Structure formats: structure tokens, C-alpha cells
Amino acid sequence: MPISQDLVFTLGTVFFVFALLGTIFSKDKPPVLTSLCFALILTIFGFTYVTLGLWMSAILTWINALLWGFLVLQKKFNLKFGRRRQDLVR
């Protein structure tokens, strides 16, 4: 596949990664099943990109899948990411 197609998928995935960062830093998280489904589907997409020779897209899609998996951990184990404002004042 041409490099231009890999570039389009890569840029789109970069946008999704940055958009997901807001959810990671937010106290509100999506349901666990939603996050698990996204992580699983994105992992499959990554392997599909590899079979097409779209390596950059695959790597960034797997990073995106890992972030969705991190959301699962945050929701399931009530993990906090970063410091709360009250902790910074003390």
C-alpha cells in the first residue's frame, strides 16, 4: 500500500489518541465493556494494518488500544491519574 494511505490512517489515529487523553485525565470514565470492546477491536485493526504493510498506523492503533485498556483499569480499580487540586495546595 502506498505511504499516503498509511499517513492518512496514522494522522487519524493520532487525533483519536489526543482526543482520548481528555477521558484519561477526567474523573468520568466510560463503562468497562465499552472500553474493552474498543481495546479489542483496535488491537485487531492493528494486526490488519500490519498485513497491509501500514506499520505506523498499526503501532499508533496499538497505542490507542493500550489507552483504552488503561481506561478499563482506571474504571475497574478506581485508579486516579495525576494529582488532584487539593493535593497541590497542601
C-alpha atoms as a PDB file:
ATOM      1  CA  MET A   1       0.000   0.000   0.000  1.00  0.00           C
ATOM      2  CA  PRO A   2       1.225   3.488  -0.721  1.00  0.00           C
ATOM      3  CA  ILE A   3       2.707   5.617   2.014  1.00  0.00           C
ATOM      4  CA  SER A   4      -0.045   8.211   1.594  1.00  0.00           C
ATOM      5  CA  GLN A   5      -2.662   5.765   2.889  1.00  0.00           C
ATOM      6  CA  ASP A   6      -0.507   4.926   5.904  1.00  0.00           C
ATOM      7  CA  LEU A   7      -0.145   8.654   6.556  1.00  0.00           C
ATOM      8  CA  VAL A   8      -3.912   9.234   6.478  1.00  0.00           C
ATOM      9  CA  PHE A   9      -4.607   6.393   8.919  1.00  0.00           C
ATOM     10  CA  THR A  10      -1.694   7.470  11.121  1.00  0.00           C
ATOM     11  CA  LEU A  11      -2.865  11.081  11.351  1.00  0.00           C
ATOM     12  CA  GLY A  12      -6.411   9.960  12.108  1.00  0.00           C
ATOM     13  CA  THR A  13      -5.179   7.676  14.878  1.00  0.00           C
ATOM     14  CA  VAL A  14      -3.002  10.455  16.340  1.00  0.00           C
ATOM     15  CA  PHE A  15      -6.127  12.621  16.525  1.00  0.00           C
ATOM     16  CA  PHE A  16      -8.018   9.834  18.329  1.00  0.00           C
ATOM     17  CA  VAL A  17      -5.150   9.357  20.814  1.00  0.00           C
ATOM     18  CA  PHE A  18      -5.140  13.065  21.699  1.00  0.00           C
ATOM     19  CA  ALA A  19      -8.929  13.085  21.976  1.00  0.00           C
ATOM     20  CA  LEU A  20      -8.779  10.107  24.345  1.00  0.00           C
ATOM     21  CA  LEU A  21      -6.337  11.855  26.678  1.00  0.00           C
ATOM     22  CA  GLY A  22      -9.168  14.059  27.941  1.00  0.00           C
ATOM     23  CA  THR A  23     -11.056  10.976  29.096  1.00  0.00           C
ATOM     24  CA  ILE A  24      -7.969   9.516  30.763  1.00  0.00           C
ATOM     25  CA  PHE A  25      -7.441  12.678  32.815  1.00  0.00           C
ATOM     26  CA  SER A  26     -11.152  13.135  33.563  1.00  0.00           C
ATOM     27  CA  LYS A  27     -12.833  11.721  36.659  1.00  0.00           C
ATOM     28  CA  ASP A  28     -15.678  10.400  34.485  1.00  0.00           C
ATOM     29  CA  LYS A  29     -14.878   7.166  32.656  1.00  0.00           C
ATOM     30  CA  PRO A  30     -16.807   5.170  30.041  1.00  0.00           C
ATOM     31  CA  PRO A  31     -18.252   1.790  31.028  1.00  0.00           C
ATOM     32  CA  VAL A  32     -15.784  -1.101  31.264  1.00  0.00           C
ATOM     33  CA  LEU A  33     -17.480  -3.086  28.491  1.00  0.00           C
ATOM     34  CA  THR A  34     -17.244  -0.130  26.096  1.00  0.00           C
ATOM     35  CA  SER A  35     -13.538   0.325  26.807  1.00  0.00           C
ATOM     36  CA  LEU A  36     -12.862  -3.412  26.470  1.00  0.00           C
ATOM     37  CA  CYS A  37     -14.628  -3.570  23.115  1.00  0.00           C
ATOM     38  CA  PHE A  38     -12.679  -0.600  21.787  1.00  0.00           C
ATOM     39  CA  ALA A  39      -9.376  -2.082  23.006  1.00  0.00           C
ATOM     40  CA  LEU A  40     -10.121  -5.444  21.395  1.00  0.00           C
ATOM     41  CA  ILE A  41     -11.308  -4.026  18.075  1.00  0.00           C
ATOM     42  CA  LEU A  42      -8.365  -1.613  17.833  1.00  0.00           C
ATOM     43  CA  THR A  43      -5.949  -4.467  18.514  1.00  0.00           C
ATOM     44  CA  ILE A  44      -7.484  -6.407  15.633  1.00  0.00           C
ATOM     45  CA  PHE A  45      -7.315  -3.299  13.428  1.00  0.00           C
ATOM     46  CA  GLY A  46      -3.602  -3.021  14.266  1.00  0.00           C
ATOM     47  CA  PHE A  47      -2.932  -6.564  13.082  1.00  0.00           C
ATOM     48  CA  THR A  48      -4.925  -5.861   9.944  1.00  0.00           C
ATOM     49  CA  TYR A  49      -2.813  -2.771   9.243  1.00  0.00           C
ATOM     50  CA  VAL A  50       0.339  -4.898   9.573  1.00  0.00           C
ATOM     51  CA  THR A  51      -0.938  -7.335   6.942  1.00  0.00           C
ATOM     52  CA  LEU A  52      -1.416  -4.353   4.633  1.00  0.00           C
ATOM     53  CA  GLY A  53       2.090  -3.039   5.338  1.00  0.00           C
ATOM     54  CA  LEU A  54       0.824   0.015   7.253  1.00  0.00           C
ATOM     55  CA  TRP A  55       3.281  -0.178  10.128  1.00  0.00           C
ATOM     56  CA  MET A  56       2.930   3.339  11.531  1.00  0.00           C
ATOM     57  CA  SER A  57      -0.841   3.009  11.566  1.00  0.00           C
ATOM     58  CA  ALA A  58      -0.552  -0.346  13.313  1.00  0.00           C
ATOM     59  CA  ILE A  59       1.772   0.959  16.029  1.00  0.00           C
ATOM     60  CA  LEU A  60      -0.361   4.007  16.780  1.00  0.00           C
ATOM     61  CA  THR A  61      -3.537   1.924  16.722  1.00  0.00           C
ATOM     62  CA  TRP A  62      -1.998  -0.418  19.295  1.00  0.00           C
ATOM     63  CA  ILE A  63      -1.085   2.607  21.434  1.00  0.00           C
ATOM     64  CA  ASN A  64      -4.709   3.696  21.160  1.00  0.00           C
ATOM     65  CA  ALA A  65      -5.814   0.184  22.211  1.00  0.00           C
ATOM     66  CA  LEU A  66      -3.477   0.346  25.218  1.00  0.00           C
ATOM     67  CA  LEU A  67      -5.015   3.664  26.261  1.00  0.00           C
ATOM     68  CA  TRP A  68      -8.489   2.108  26.099  1.00  0.00           C
ATOM     69  CA  GLY A  69      -7.156  -0.758  28.196  1.00  0.00           C
ATOM     70  CA  PHE A  70      -5.806   1.775  30.679  1.00  0.00           C
ATOM     71  CA  LEU A  71      -9.318   3.224  30.910  1.00  0.00           C
ATOM     72  CA  VAL A  72     -10.559  -0.250  31.832  1.00  0.00           C
ATOM     73  CA  LEU A  73      -8.038  -0.373  34.685  1.00  0.00           C
ATOM     74  CA  GLN A  74      -8.942   3.136  35.813  1.00  0.00           C
ATOM     75  CA  LYS A  75     -12.647   2.311  35.921  1.00  0.00           C
ATOM     76  CA  LYS A  76     -12.356  -1.186  37.382  1.00  0.00           C
ATOM     77  CA  PHE A  77      -9.833  -0.367  40.107  1.00  0.00           C
ATOM     78  CA  ASN A  78     -10.795   3.293  40.612  1.00  0.00           C
ATOM     79  CA  LEU A  79      -7.284   4.459  39.689  1.00  0.00           C
ATOM     80  CA  LYS A  80      -6.563   8.170  39.614  1.00  0.00           C
ATOM     81  CA  PHE A  81      -4.186   9.661  37.086  1.00  0.00           C
ATOM     82  CA  GLY A  82      -2.365  12.822  38.037  1.00  0.00           C
ATOM     83  CA  ARG A  83      -2.788  14.909  41.145  1.00  0.00           C
ATOM     84  CA  ARG A  84      -5.950  16.398  42.473  1.00  0.00           C
ATOM     85  CA  ARG A  85      -6.123  20.127  43.029  1.00  0.00           C
ATOM     86  CA  GLN A  86      -6.426  19.642  46.813  1.00  0.00           C
ATOM     87  CA  ASP A  87      -3.150  17.680  46.848  1.00  0.00           C
ATOM     88  CA  LEU A  88      -1.337  20.512  45.088  1.00  0.00           C
ATOM     89  CA  VAL A  89      -2.467  23.116  47.641  1.00  0.00           C
ATOM     90  CA  ARG A  90      -1.001  21.276  50.650  1.00  0.00           C
END
